[in-house]
């Protein structure tokens, strides 16, 4: 985390569509007003992790700090909810800088699809046939052939989402790593993925794409019938996520790993 001295007086509130979030939105606007997102110094997002990801995407070009309060079912990226002393909490909050992943997917017809991912870039088979994928990291082939349902590259922010469901590792927010995680790997059967530096360039080449078609997704951007996908960190885009100083991320990571 980094300490930033930035104005956080002009607050805009956003909420997911759940009743818990909308009730909180009404109460916070009653207490603190709402300048609107076009005038805001800081965005307060009310919901769960999914809504936080939506909000980060929405303001990815605005460079606004975003402070989340948990009014959803999952709140790994959120602070606890409390409507008291919000300006003081925002002033004391610490900033975590995030950079999204950039997906460049080449389709079988030669077209190129690009998309940004805050959670993960994933490849998934499109047919009853398993996907065959060659994996290169920084132009060096690391896995000649992975036979699987799919494979993903996850950011620390996304490591508790799809990546965790695929038995990938949880990465602390702000760690300089990415998780490269297979989805239902058939061969090599014992390969469980890898942790790679965040500066890595990952190239995924689809073997026999005519018989074994594969789609690629970067959060909300999807490309079907891809033949190769490159994934890099997009350093030109910076997201600012605010956390309370007492936000016990280490304990949350530990607890999540022992959930039944």
C-alpha atoms as a PDB file:
ATOM      1  CA  UNK A   1       0.000   0.000   0.000  1.00  0.00           C
ATOM      2  CA  UNK A   2       1.062   3.605  -0.561  1.00  0.00           C
ATOM      3  CA  UNK A   3       0.268   6.820   1.262  1.00  0.00           C
ATOM      4  CA  UNK A   4      -1.201   9.460  -1.036  1.00  0.00           C
ATOM      5  CA  UNK A   5      -2.060  13.006  -0.085  1.00  0.00           C
ATOM      6  CA  UNK A   6      -5.068  13.645  -2.291  1.00  0.00           C
ATOM      7  CA  UNK A   7      -8.298  15.565  -1.799  1.00  0.00           C
ATOM      8  CA  UNK A   8     -11.180  13.283  -0.830  1.00  0.00           C
ATOM      9  CA  UNK A   9     -13.814  15.858   0.102  1.00  0.00           C
ATOM     10  CA  UNK A  10     -16.123  15.477  -2.885  1.00  0.00           C
ATOM     11  CA  UNK A  11     -17.808  12.086  -2.612  1.00  0.00           C
ATOM     12  CA  UNK A  12     -19.940  10.224  -5.127  1.00  0.00           C
ATOM     13  CA  UNK A  13     -21.798   7.091  -4.072  1.00  0.00           C
ATOM     14  CA  UNK A  14     -22.619   4.094  -6.254  1.00  0.00           C
ATOM     15  CA  UNK A  15     -24.473   0.936  -5.249  1.00  0.00           C
ATOM     16  CA  UNK A  16     -25.322  -2.471  -6.625  1.00  0.00           C
ATOM     17  CA  UNK A  17     -28.991  -3.356  -7.133  1.00  0.00           C
ATOM     18  CA  UNK A  18     -29.415  -5.353  -3.914  1.00  0.00           C
ATOM     19  CA  UNK A  19     -31.725  -3.937  -1.242  1.00  0.00           C
ATOM     20  CA  UNK A  20     -28.886  -3.985   1.274  1.00  0.00           C
ATOM     21  CA  UNK A  21     -26.760  -1.789  -0.989  1.00  0.00           C
ATOM     22  CA  UNK A  22     -29.536   0.591  -2.051  1.00  0.00           C
ATOM     23  CA  UNK A  23     -30.644   1.126   1.568  1.00  0.00           C
ATOM     24  CA  UNK A  24     -27.052   2.032   2.461  1.00  0.00           C
ATOM     25  CA  UNK A  25     -26.892   4.364  -0.536  1.00  0.00           C
ATOM     26  CA  UNK A  26     -29.953   6.292   0.643  1.00  0.00           C
ATOM     27  CA  UNK A  27     -28.591   6.657   4.175  1.00  0.00           C
ATOM     28  CA  UNK A  28     -25.108   7.759   3.102  1.00  0.00           C
ATOM     29  CA  UNK A  29     -26.468  10.312   0.638  1.00  0.00           C
ATOM     30  CA  UNK A  30     -28.725  11.664   3.387  1.00  0.00           C
ATOM     31  CA  UNK A  31     -25.759  12.156   5.699  1.00  0.00           C
ATOM     32  CA  UNK A  32     -23.032  13.270   3.303  1.00  0.00           C
ATOM     33  CA  UNK A  33     -24.666  14.384   0.062  1.00  0.00           C
ATOM     34  CA  UNK A  34     -23.479  13.295  -3.375  1.00  0.00           C
ATOM     35  CA  UNK A  35     -21.612  15.520  -5.830  1.00  0.00           C
ATOM     36  CA  UNK A  36     -22.006  13.075  -8.729  1.00  0.00           C
ATOM     37  CA  UNK A  37     -19.272  11.079 -10.397  1.00  0.00           C
ATOM     38  CA  UNK A  38     -18.281  13.884 -12.800  1.00  0.00           C
ATOM     39  CA  UNK A  39     -17.239  16.170  -9.883  1.00  0.00           C
ATOM     40  CA  UNK A  40     -16.038  13.591  -7.378  1.00  0.00           C
ATOM     41  CA  UNK A  41     -12.604  13.310  -5.737  1.00  0.00           C
ATOM     42  CA  UNK A  42     -13.454   9.790  -4.572  1.00  0.00           C
ATOM     43  CA  UNK A  43     -16.019   7.101  -5.402  1.00  0.00           C
ATOM     44  CA  UNK A  44     -17.632   5.060  -2.624  1.00  0.00           C
ATOM     45  CA  UNK A  45     -18.886   1.743  -4.003  1.00  0.00           C
ATOM     46  CA  UNK A  46     -21.512  -0.199  -2.051  1.00  0.00           C
ATOM     47  CA  UNK A  47     -21.871  -3.883  -2.870  1.00  0.00           C
ATOM     48  CA  UNK A  48     -19.647  -6.922  -3.191  1.00  0.00           C
ATOM     49  CA  UNK A  49     -16.504  -7.754  -5.098  1.00  0.00           C
ATOM     50  CA  UNK A  50     -18.391  -8.118  -8.396  1.00  0.00           C
ATOM     51  CA  UNK A  51     -19.733  -4.582  -8.120  1.00  0.00           C
ATOM     52  CA  UNK A  52     -16.275  -3.306  -7.210  1.00  0.00           C
ATOM     53  CA  UNK A  53     -14.858  -4.826 -10.407  1.00  0.00           C
ATOM     54  CA  UNK A  54     -17.664  -3.189 -12.423  1.00  0.00           C
ATOM     55  CA  UNK A  55     -16.900   0.169 -10.798  1.00  0.00           C
ATOM     56  CA  UNK A  56     -13.162  -0.137 -11.450  1.00  0.00           C
ATOM     57  CA  UNK A  57     -13.875  -0.851 -15.122  1.00  0.00           C
ATOM     58  CA  UNK A  58     -16.283   2.071 -15.363  1.00  0.00           C
ATOM     59  CA  UNK A  59     -13.704   4.562 -14.083  1.00  0.00           C
ATOM     60  CA  UNK A  60     -10.582   2.943 -15.480  1.00  0.00           C
ATOM     61  CA  UNK A  61      -9.708   6.111 -17.423  1.00  0.00           C
ATOM     62  CA  UNK A  62     -10.538   8.589 -14.634  1.00  0.00           C
ATOM     63  CA  UNK A  63      -7.741   7.793 -12.148  1.00  0.00           C
ATOM     64  CA  UNK A  64     -10.191   8.240  -9.258  1.00  0.00           C
ATOM     65  CA  UNK A  65      -9.621   6.474  -5.928  1.00  0.00           C
ATOM     66  CA  UNK A  66     -12.404   4.014  -5.136  1.00  0.00           C
ATOM     67  CA  UNK A  67     -13.390   3.044  -1.609  1.00  0.00           C
ATOM     68  CA  UNK A  68     -15.600  -0.013  -1.270  1.00  0.00           C
ATOM     69  CA  UNK A  69     -17.924  -0.904   1.593  1.00  0.00           C
ATOM     70  CA  UNK A  70     -19.287  -4.423   1.751  1.00  0.00           C
ATOM     71  CA  UNK A  71     -22.998  -4.657   1.088  1.00  0.00           C
ATOM     72  CA  UNK A  72     -22.801  -7.921  -0.860  1.00  0.00           C
ATOM     73  CA  UNK A  73     -22.124 -11.604  -0.369  1.00  0.00           C
ATOM     74  CA  UNK A  74     -18.375 -11.465  -1.067  1.00  0.00           C
ATOM     75  CA  UNK A  75     -16.258  -8.582   0.135  1.00  0.00           C
ATOM     76  CA  UNK A  76     -12.625  -9.516  -0.285  1.00  0.00           C
ATOM     77  CA  UNK A  77     -11.954  -6.176  -2.005  1.00  0.00           C
ATOM     78  CA  UNK A  78     -14.248  -4.198   0.299  1.00  0.00           C
ATOM     79  CA  UNK A  79     -13.977  -2.468   3.641  1.00  0.00           C
ATOM     80  CA  UNK A  80     -16.482  -3.110   6.390  1.00  0.00           C
ATOM     81  CA  UNK A  81     -19.684  -1.093   6.278  1.00  0.00           C
ATOM     82  CA  UNK A  82     -20.193   1.758   8.744  1.00  0.00           C
ATOM     83  CA  UNK A  83     -22.056   4.986   8.030  1.00  0.00           C
ATOM     84  CA  UNK A  84     -20.305   6.892  10.837  1.00  0.00           C
ATOM     85  CA  UNK A  85     -17.369   9.281  10.280  1.00  0.00           C
ATOM     86  CA  UNK A  86     -16.987   8.467   6.585  1.00  0.00           C
ATOM     87  CA  UNK A  87     -14.913  11.578   5.716  1.00  0.00           C
ATOM     88  CA  UNK A  88     -12.398  10.652   8.422  1.00  0.00           C
ATOM     89  CA  UNK A  89     -12.211   7.070   7.131  1.00  0.00           C
ATOM     90  CA  UNK A  90     -11.587   8.287   3.605  1.00  0.00           C
ATOM     91  CA  UNK A  91      -8.886  10.658   4.813  1.00  0.00           C
ATOM     92  CA  UNK A  92      -7.122   7.856   6.704  1.00  0.00           C
ATOM     93  CA  UNK A  93      -7.523   5.220   3.979  1.00  0.00           C
ATOM     94  CA  UNK A  94      -4.422   3.782   2.343  1.00  0.00           C
ATOM     95  CA  UNK A  95      -4.102   3.372  -1.406  1.00  0.00           C
ATOM     96  CA  UNK A  96      -3.343   0.152  -3.243  1.00  0.00           C
ATOM     97  CA  UNK A  97      -2.359   0.565  -6.887  1.00  0.00           C
ATOM     98  CA  UNK A  98      -3.618  -2.000  -9.394  1.00  0.00           C
ATOM     99  CA  UNK A  99      -2.841  -2.479 -13.071  1.00  0.00           C
ATOM    100  CA  UNK A 100      -5.174  -4.461 -15.323  1.00  0.00           C
ATOM    101  CA  UNK A 101      -4.160  -7.162 -17.771  1.00  0.00           C
ATOM    102  CA  UNK A 102      -4.254  -6.498 -21.485  1.00  0.00           C
ATOM    103  CA  UNK A 103      -5.502  -9.373 -23.631  1.00  0.00           C
ATOM    104  CA  UNK A 104      -4.714  -9.493 -27.338  1.00  0.00           C
ATOM    105  CA  UNK A 105      -6.584 -12.397 -28.908  1.00  0.00           C
ATOM    106  CA  UNK A 106      -6.098 -13.403 -32.535  1.00  0.00           C
ATOM    107  CA  UNK A 107      -9.091 -15.178 -34.033  1.00  0.00           C
ATOM    108  CA  UNK A 108      -9.091 -17.847 -36.737  1.00  0.00           C
ATOM    109  CA  UNK A 109     -10.285 -15.300 -39.318  1.00  0.00           C
ATOM    110  CA  UNK A 110      -7.250 -13.079 -38.594  1.00  0.00           C
ATOM    111  CA  UNK A 111      -9.119 -10.416 -36.624  1.00  0.00           C
ATOM    112  CA  UNK A 112      -7.733  -9.112 -33.339  1.00  0.00           C
ATOM    113  CA  UNK A 113      -9.754  -8.600 -30.157  1.00  0.00           C
ATOM    114  CA  UNK A 114      -8.330  -6.584 -27.269  1.00  0.00           C
ATOM    115  CA  UNK A 115      -9.696  -6.260 -23.756  1.00  0.00           C
ATOM    116  CA  UNK A 116      -8.696  -5.236 -20.250  1.00  0.00           C
ATOM    117  CA  UNK A 117      -9.081  -7.546 -17.274  1.00  0.00           C
ATOM    118  CA  UNK A 118      -9.006  -6.596 -13.619  1.00  0.00           C
ATOM    119  CA  UNK A 119      -9.828 -10.168 -12.527  1.00  0.00           C
ATOM    120  CA  UNK A 120      -8.426 -12.559 -15.115  1.00  0.00           C
ATOM    121  CA  UNK A 121      -7.920 -13.490 -18.731  1.00  0.00           C
ATOM    122  CA  UNK A 122      -9.295 -16.985 -19.308  1.00  0.00           C
ATOM    123  CA  UNK A 123      -9.384 -19.478 -22.170  1.00  0.00           C
ATOM    124  CA  UNK A 124     -12.205 -22.043 -22.284  1.00  0.00           C
ATOM    125  CA  UNK A 125     -12.919 -24.884 -24.712  1.00  0.00           C
ATOM    126  CA  UNK A 126     -15.934 -24.355 -26.974  1.00  0.00           C
ATOM    127  CA  UNK A 127     -16.719 -27.979 -27.850  1.00  0.00           C
ATOM    128  CA  UNK A 128     -16.801 -31.468 -26.385  1.00  0.00           C
ATOM    129  CA  UNK A 129     -13.088 -31.764 -27.158  1.00  0.00           C
ATOM    130  CA  UNK A 130     -10.508 -30.696 -24.596  1.00  0.00           C
ATOM    131  CA  UNK A 131      -8.407 -27.660 -25.456  1.00  0.00           C
ATOM    132  CA  UNK A 132      -4.756 -28.150 -26.416  1.00  0.00           C
ATOM    133  CA  UNK A 133      -2.677 -25.139 -25.420  1.00  0.00           C
ATOM    134  CA  UNK A 134       1.042 -24.353 -25.698  1.00  0.00           C
ATOM    135  CA  UNK A 135       2.197 -21.959 -22.964  1.00  0.00           C
ATOM    136  CA  UNK A 136       5.114 -19.551 -23.345  1.00  0.00           C
ATOM    137  CA  UNK A 137       6.317 -17.040 -20.750  1.00  0.00           C
ATOM    138  CA  UNK A 138       8.555 -14.214 -21.964  1.00  0.00           C
ATOM    139  CA  UNK A 139       9.016 -15.943 -25.326  1.00  0.00           C
ATOM    140  CA  UNK A 140      10.209 -19.199 -23.761  1.00  0.00           C
ATOM    141  CA  UNK A 141       8.024 -22.294 -24.098  1.00  0.00           C
ATOM    142  CA  UNK A 142       7.238 -23.500 -20.588  1.00  0.00           C
ATOM    143  CA  UNK A 143       4.609 -26.126 -21.413  1.00  0.00           C
ATOM    144  CA  UNK A 144       4.647 -27.733 -24.837  1.00  0.00           C
ATOM    145  CA  UNK A 145       1.082 -29.002 -24.581  1.00  0.00           C
ATOM    146  CA  UNK A 146      -1.569 -28.562 -21.903  1.00  0.00           C
ATOM    147  CA  UNK A 147      -4.697 -30.670 -22.447  1.00  0.00           C
ATOM    148  CA  UNK A 148      -7.441 -29.073 -20.403  1.00  0.00           C
ATOM    149  CA  UNK A 149     -10.857 -27.446 -20.225  1.00  0.00           C
ATOM    150  CA  UNK A 150      -9.076 -24.101 -20.105  1.00  0.00           C
ATOM    151  CA  UNK A 151      -6.402 -21.961 -18.516  1.00  0.00           C
ATOM    152  CA  UNK A 152      -6.306 -18.480 -16.982  1.00  0.00           C
ATOM    153  CA  UNK A 153      -3.962 -15.718 -15.916  1.00  0.00           C
ATOM    154  CA  UNK A 154      -5.238 -13.986 -12.795  1.00  0.00           C
ATOM    155  CA  UNK A 155      -4.318 -10.754 -11.055  1.00  0.00           C
ATOM    156  CA  UNK A 156      -4.082 -10.535  -7.249  1.00  0.00           C
ATOM    157  CA  UNK A 157      -7.474  -8.754  -7.269  1.00  0.00           C
ATOM    158  CA  UNK A 158      -8.999 -11.626  -9.235  1.00  0.00           C
ATOM    159  CA  UNK A 159      -7.269 -14.446  -7.406  1.00  0.00           C
ATOM    160  CA  UNK A 160     -10.241 -14.982  -5.060  1.00  0.00           C
ATOM    161  CA  UNK A 161     -12.716 -15.227  -7.941  1.00  0.00           C
ATOM    162  CA  UNK A 162     -12.617 -17.741 -10.834  1.00  0.00           C
ATOM    163  CA  UNK A 163      -8.980 -18.528 -10.067  1.00  0.00           C
ATOM    164  CA  UNK A 164      -9.825 -19.737  -6.558  1.00  0.00           C
ATOM    165  CA  UNK A 165     -12.697 -21.862  -7.883  1.00  0.00           C
ATOM    166  CA  UNK A 166     -10.162 -23.554 -10.201  1.00  0.00           C
ATOM    167  CA  UNK A 167      -7.966 -24.282  -7.143  1.00  0.00           C
ATOM    168  CA  UNK A 168      -5.525 -21.512  -7.948  1.00  0.00           C
ATOM    169  CA  UNK A 169      -3.601 -19.664  -5.217  1.00  0.00           C
ATOM    170  CA  UNK A 170      -4.816 -16.553  -3.431  1.00  0.00           C
ATOM    171  CA  UNK A 171      -2.439 -13.642  -4.037  1.00  0.00           C
ATOM    172  CA  UNK A 172      -2.255 -10.722  -1.591  1.00  0.00           C
ATOM    173  CA  UNK A 173      -3.445  -7.437  -3.076  1.00  0.00           C
ATOM    174  CA  UNK A 174      -0.419  -5.501  -4.276  1.00  0.00           C
ATOM    175  CA  UNK A 175       1.840  -8.538  -4.668  1.00  0.00           C
ATOM    176  CA  UNK A 176       4.007  -8.394  -7.839  1.00  0.00           C
ATOM    177  CA  UNK A 177       2.756 -11.758  -9.101  1.00  0.00           C
ATOM    178  CA  UNK A 178       0.206 -13.296 -11.447  1.00  0.00           C
ATOM    179  CA  UNK A 179      -1.377 -16.733 -11.103  1.00  0.00           C
ATOM    180  CA  UNK A 180      -1.242 -18.992 -14.162  1.00  0.00           C
ATOM    181  CA  UNK A 181      -3.883 -21.619 -13.407  1.00  0.00           C
ATOM    182  CA  UNK A 182      -5.196 -24.572 -15.453  1.00  0.00           C
ATOM    183  CA  UNK A 183      -8.891 -25.441 -15.519  1.00  0.00           C
ATOM    184  CA  UNK A 184      -9.420 -29.202 -15.196  1.00  0.00           C
ATOM    185  CA  UNK A 185      -6.023 -30.200 -16.571  1.00  0.00           C
ATOM    186  CA  UNK A 186      -5.937 -33.687 -18.119  1.00  0.00           C
ATOM    187  CA  UNK A 187      -2.295 -33.733 -19.229  1.00  0.00           C
ATOM    188  CA  UNK A 188       0.098 -33.100 -17.592  1.00  0.00           C
ATOM    189  CA  UNK A 189      -2.149 -34.372 -14.822  1.00  0.00           C
ATOM    190  CA  UNK A 190       0.026 -33.165 -11.961  1.00  0.00           C
ATOM    191  CA  UNK A 191       0.523 -29.612 -13.219  1.00  0.00           C
ATOM    192  CA  UNK A 192      -1.298 -27.234 -10.892  1.00  0.00           C
ATOM    193  CA  UNK A 193      -0.189 -23.953 -12.417  1.00  0.00           C
ATOM    194  CA  UNK A 194       2.524 -21.431 -11.651  1.00  0.00           C
ATOM    195  CA  UNK A 195       3.199 -18.083 -10.034  1.00  0.00           C
ATOM    196  CA  UNK A 196       4.881 -15.703 -12.454  1.00  0.00           C
ATOM    197  CA  UNK A 197       6.188 -12.115 -12.164  1.00  0.00           C
ATOM    198  CA  UNK A 198       3.629  -9.426 -12.962  1.00  0.00           C
ATOM    199  CA  UNK A 199       5.940  -8.126 -15.699  1.00  0.00           C
ATOM    200  CA  UNK A 200       5.716 -11.409 -17.628  1.00  0.00           C
ATOM    201  CA  UNK A 201       4.319 -11.708 -21.127  1.00  0.00           C
ATOM    202  CA  UNK A 202       2.241 -14.873 -21.458  1.00  0.00           C
ATOM    203  CA  UNK A 203       1.525 -16.345 -24.890  1.00  0.00           C
ATOM    204  CA  UNK A 204      -1.105 -19.056 -25.260  1.00  0.00           C
ATOM    205  CA  UNK A 205      -1.162 -20.857 -28.599  1.00  0.00           C
ATOM    206  CA  UNK A 206      -4.125 -23.063 -29.451  1.00  0.00           C
ATOM    207  CA  UNK A 207      -3.082 -26.371 -31.013  1.00  0.00           C
ATOM    208  CA  UNK A 208      -5.467 -27.875 -33.566  1.00  0.00           C
ATOM    209  CA  UNK A 209      -8.021 -25.023 -33.245  1.00  0.00           C
ATOM    210  CA  UNK A 210     -10.252 -26.345 -36.060  1.00  0.00           C
ATOM    211  CA  UNK A 211     -11.053 -29.528 -34.139  1.00  0.00           C
ATOM    212  CA  UNK A 212     -10.627 -28.042 -30.660  1.00  0.00           C
ATOM    213  CA  UNK A 213     -12.043 -24.475 -30.725  1.00  0.00           C
ATOM    214  CA  UNK A 214     -11.350 -22.174 -27.786  1.00  0.00           C
ATOM    215  CA  UNK A 215     -12.762 -18.835 -26.624  1.00  0.00           C
ATOM    216  CA  UNK A 216     -10.910 -16.163 -24.647  1.00  0.00           C
ATOM    217  CA  UNK A 217     -12.314 -13.666 -22.144  1.00  0.00           C
ATOM    218  CA  UNK A 218     -10.882 -10.607 -20.424  1.00  0.00           C
ATOM    219  CA  UNK A 219     -13.518  -9.841 -17.770  1.00  0.00           C
ATOM    220  CA  UNK A 220     -16.347  -8.499 -19.979  1.00  0.00           C
ATOM    221  CA  UNK A 221     -14.635  -8.831 -23.383  1.00  0.00           C
ATOM    222  CA  UNK A 222     -14.941 -12.179 -25.190  1.00  0.00           C
ATOM    223  CA  UNK A 223     -13.384 -13.523 -28.383  1.00  0.00           C
ATOM    224  CA  UNK A 224     -14.448 -16.837 -29.901  1.00  0.00           C
ATOM    225  CA  UNK A 225     -12.450 -19.209 -32.098  1.00  0.00           C
ATOM    226  CA  UNK A 226      -9.072 -17.858 -31.039  1.00  0.00           C
ATOM    227  CA  UNK A 227      -5.775 -19.266 -32.287  1.00  0.00           C
ATOM    228  CA  UNK A 228      -3.390 -17.389 -29.993  1.00  0.00           C
ATOM    229  CA  UNK A 229      -3.654 -15.025 -27.054  1.00  0.00           C
ATOM    230  CA  UNK A 230      -1.023 -12.754 -25.518  1.00  0.00           C
ATOM    231  CA  UNK A 231      -1.398 -11.367 -22.006  1.00  0.00           C
ATOM    232  CA  UNK A 232       0.606  -8.538 -20.456  1.00  0.00           C
ATOM    233  CA  UNK A 233       0.117  -6.110 -17.620  1.00  0.00           C
ATOM    234  CA  UNK A 234      -1.164  -2.750 -18.864  1.00  0.00           C
ATOM    235  CA  UNK A 235       1.073  -0.356 -16.943  1.00  0.00           C
ATOM    236  CA  UNK A 236      -0.460   2.671 -18.682  1.00  0.00           C
ATOM    237  CA  UNK A 237      -3.666   2.108 -16.678  1.00  0.00           C
ATOM    238  CA  UNK A 238      -3.574   2.596 -12.902  1.00  0.00           C
ATOM    239  CA  UNK A 239      -6.459   1.848 -10.556  1.00  0.00           C
ATOM    240  CA  UNK A 240      -6.539   3.227  -7.008  1.00  0.00           C
ATOM    241  CA  UNK A 241      -8.272   1.088  -4.418  1.00  0.00           C
ATOM    242  CA  UNK A 242      -8.683   2.487  -0.884  1.00  0.00           C
ATOM    243  CA  UNK A 243      -8.495   0.348   2.253  1.00  0.00           C
ATOM    244  CA  UNK A 244      -8.895   1.186   5.930  1.00  0.00           C
ATOM    245  CA  UNK A 245      -5.561   0.973   7.803  1.00  0.00           C
ATOM    246  CA  UNK A 246      -7.011  -1.817   9.972  1.00  0.00           C
ATOM    247  CA  UNK A 247      -8.235  -3.778   6.930  1.00  0.00           C
ATOM    248  CA  UNK A 248      -6.872  -7.204   7.888  1.00  0.00           C
ATOM    249  CA  UNK A 249      -6.166  -8.619   4.454  1.00  0.00           C
ATOM    250  CA  UNK A 250      -3.795 -11.292   5.727  1.00  0.00           C
ATOM    251  CA  UNK A 251      -6.466 -12.721   8.033  1.00  0.00           C
ATOM    252  CA  UNK A 252      -9.025 -12.702   5.214  1.00  0.00           C
ATOM    253  CA  UNK A 253      -6.638 -14.590   2.947  1.00  0.00           C
ATOM    254  CA  UNK A 254      -5.997 -17.163   5.668  1.00  0.00           C
ATOM    255  CA  UNK A 255      -9.707 -17.558   6.472  1.00  0.00           C
ATOM    256  CA  UNK A 256     -10.677 -17.921   2.806  1.00  0.00           C
ATOM    257  CA  UNK A 257      -8.240 -20.794   2.328  1.00  0.00           C
ATOM    258  CA  UNK A 258      -9.914 -22.796   5.104  1.00  0.00           C
ATOM    259  CA  UNK A 259     -13.498 -22.220   4.001  1.00  0.00           C
ATOM    260  CA  UNK A 260     -15.458 -25.516   3.625  1.00  0.00           C
END
